[in-house]
Amino acid sequence: MKELLRTTDPVRLSWLLALLADAGIEAVVLDTHTSILEGSIGAIPRRLMVPEDDHAQACLLLRDAGEELGV
């Protein structure tokens, strides 16, 4: 798995997961439980991960959708 981005915005993550799923790209969000444990104050970003084989395609898809990737 390879990281696409980190964010504390659960709505953005939900939208990105749906966008990737529509393109047939499996994605996983890591650090969700850690973020909840710290009280959901947004201090710990969640990581959006995809398989390494799909990373380049996922990056193009998200950039075409207007997302800025920090990775």
C-alpha atoms as a PDB file:
ATOM      1  CA  MET A   1       0.000   0.000   0.000  1.00  0.00           C
ATOM      2  CA  LYS A   2       1.126   3.508  -0.787  1.00  0.00           C
ATOM      3  CA  GLU A   3      -0.079   6.798   0.671  1.00  0.00           C
ATOM      4  CA  LEU A   4      -2.051   9.236  -1.468  1.00  0.00           C
ATOM      5  CA  LEU A   5      -2.695  11.941   1.104  1.00  0.00           C
ATOM      6  CA  ARG A   6      -3.311  12.802   4.757  1.00  0.00           C
ATOM      7  CA  THR A   7      -6.270  14.789   6.006  1.00  0.00           C
ATOM      8  CA  THR A   8      -8.331  15.423   9.098  1.00  0.00           C
ATOM      9  CA  ASP A   9     -11.484  16.024   7.020  1.00  0.00           C
ATOM     10  CA  PRO A  10     -13.769  12.939   7.166  1.00  0.00           C
ATOM     11  CA  VAL A  11     -16.101  14.335   4.487  1.00  0.00           C
ATOM     12  CA  ARG A  12     -13.204  14.751   2.057  1.00  0.00           C
ATOM     13  CA  LEU A  13     -12.052  11.198   2.799  1.00  0.00           C
ATOM     14  CA  SER A  14     -15.529   9.832   2.147  1.00  0.00           C
ATOM     15  CA  TRP A  15     -15.730  11.645  -1.189  1.00  0.00           C
ATOM     16  CA  LEU A  16     -12.260  10.478  -2.233  1.00  0.00           C
ATOM     17  CA  LEU A  17     -13.046   6.874  -1.289  1.00  0.00           C
ATOM     18  CA  ALA A  18     -16.189   7.011  -3.440  1.00  0.00           C
ATOM     19  CA  LEU A  19     -14.287   8.571  -6.339  1.00  0.00           C
ATOM     20  CA  LEU A  20     -11.608   5.871  -6.190  1.00  0.00           C
ATOM     21  CA  ALA A  21     -14.184   3.077  -5.828  1.00  0.00           C
ATOM     22  CA  ASP A  22     -16.033   4.333  -8.925  1.00  0.00           C
ATOM     23  CA  ALA A  23     -12.745   3.997 -10.827  1.00  0.00           C
ATOM     24  CA  GLY A  24     -12.253   0.457  -9.519  1.00  0.00           C
ATOM     25  CA  ILE A  25      -9.380   1.389  -7.211  1.00  0.00           C
ATOM     26  CA  GLU A  26      -9.367  -0.196  -3.766  1.00  0.00           C
ATOM     27  CA  ALA A  27      -8.516   2.326  -1.051  1.00  0.00           C
ATOM     28  CA  VAL A  28      -8.054   2.087   2.708  1.00  0.00           C
ATOM     29  CA  VAL A  29      -8.075   4.787   5.382  1.00  0.00           C
ATOM     30  CA  LEU A  30      -5.505   4.309   8.129  1.00  0.00           C
ATOM     31  CA  ASP A  31      -5.330   5.970  11.564  1.00  0.00           C
ATOM     32  CA  THR A  32      -9.112   6.267  11.936  1.00  0.00           C
ATOM     33  CA  HIS A  33      -9.145   4.635  15.368  1.00  0.00           C
ATOM     34  CA  THR A  34      -6.201   6.696  16.580  1.00  0.00           C
ATOM     35  CA  SER A  35      -7.983   9.851  15.496  1.00  0.00           C
ATOM     36  CA  ILE A  36     -11.113   8.794  17.398  1.00  0.00           C
ATOM     37  CA  LEU A  37      -9.125   7.924  20.519  1.00  0.00           C
ATOM     38  CA  GLU A  38      -7.587  11.393  20.706  1.00  0.00           C
ATOM     39  CA  GLY A  39     -11.070  12.857  20.936  1.00  0.00           C
ATOM     40  CA  SER A  40     -11.769  13.747  17.298  1.00  0.00           C
ATOM     41  CA  ILE A  41     -10.273  17.219  17.682  1.00  0.00           C
ATOM     42  CA  GLY A  42      -8.555  16.811  14.339  1.00  0.00           C
ATOM     43  CA  ALA A  43      -5.002  16.638  15.618  1.00  0.00           C
ATOM     44  CA  ILE A  44      -4.146  13.314  13.966  1.00  0.00           C
ATOM     45  CA  PRO A  45      -4.603  13.151  10.192  1.00  0.00           C
ATOM     46  CA  ARG A  46      -5.927  10.012   8.549  1.00  0.00           C
ATOM     47  CA  ARG A  47      -3.972   8.450   5.691  1.00  0.00           C
ATOM     48  CA  LEU A  48      -5.601   7.457   2.403  1.00  0.00           C
ATOM     49  CA  MET A  49      -3.779   4.427   0.998  1.00  0.00           C
ATOM     50  CA  VAL A  50      -4.004   2.519  -2.298  1.00  0.00           C
ATOM     51  CA  PRO A  51      -2.158  -0.516  -3.673  1.00  0.00           C
ATOM     52  CA  GLU A  52       1.212   0.400  -5.196  1.00  0.00           C
ATOM     53  CA  ASP A  53       0.090  -0.843  -8.619  1.00  0.00           C
ATOM     54  CA  ASP A  54      -2.825   1.627  -8.595  1.00  0.00           C
ATOM     55  CA  HIS A  55      -0.978   4.606  -7.096  1.00  0.00           C
ATOM     56  CA  ALA A  56      -0.152   6.426 -10.351  1.00  0.00           C
ATOM     57  CA  GLN A  57      -3.691   6.020 -11.693  1.00  0.00           C
ATOM     58  CA  ALA A  58      -5.166   7.151  -8.355  1.00  0.00           C
ATOM     59  CA  CYS A  59      -2.946  10.263  -8.333  1.00  0.00           C
ATOM     60  CA  LEU A  60      -4.088  11.207 -11.847  1.00  0.00           C
ATOM     61  CA  LEU A  61      -7.725  10.631 -10.949  1.00  0.00           C
ATOM     62  CA  LEU A  62      -7.557  12.801  -7.844  1.00  0.00           C
ATOM     63  CA  ARG A  63      -5.627  15.578  -9.596  1.00  0.00           C
ATOM     64  CA  ASP A  64      -8.189  15.567 -12.430  1.00  0.00           C
ATOM     65  CA  ALA A  65     -10.865  15.991  -9.735  1.00  0.00           C
ATOM     66  CA  GLY A  66      -9.072  19.086  -8.436  1.00  0.00           C
ATOM     67  CA  GLU A  67      -7.384  17.542  -5.406  1.00  0.00           C
ATOM     68  CA  GLU A  68      -3.913  18.641  -4.381  1.00  0.00           C
ATOM     69  CA  LEU A  69      -1.770  15.742  -3.261  1.00  0.00           C
ATOM     70  CA  GLY A  70       1.015  16.343  -0.792  1.00  0.00           C
ATOM     71  CA  VAL A  71       2.731  13.044  -1.541  1.00  0.00           C
END
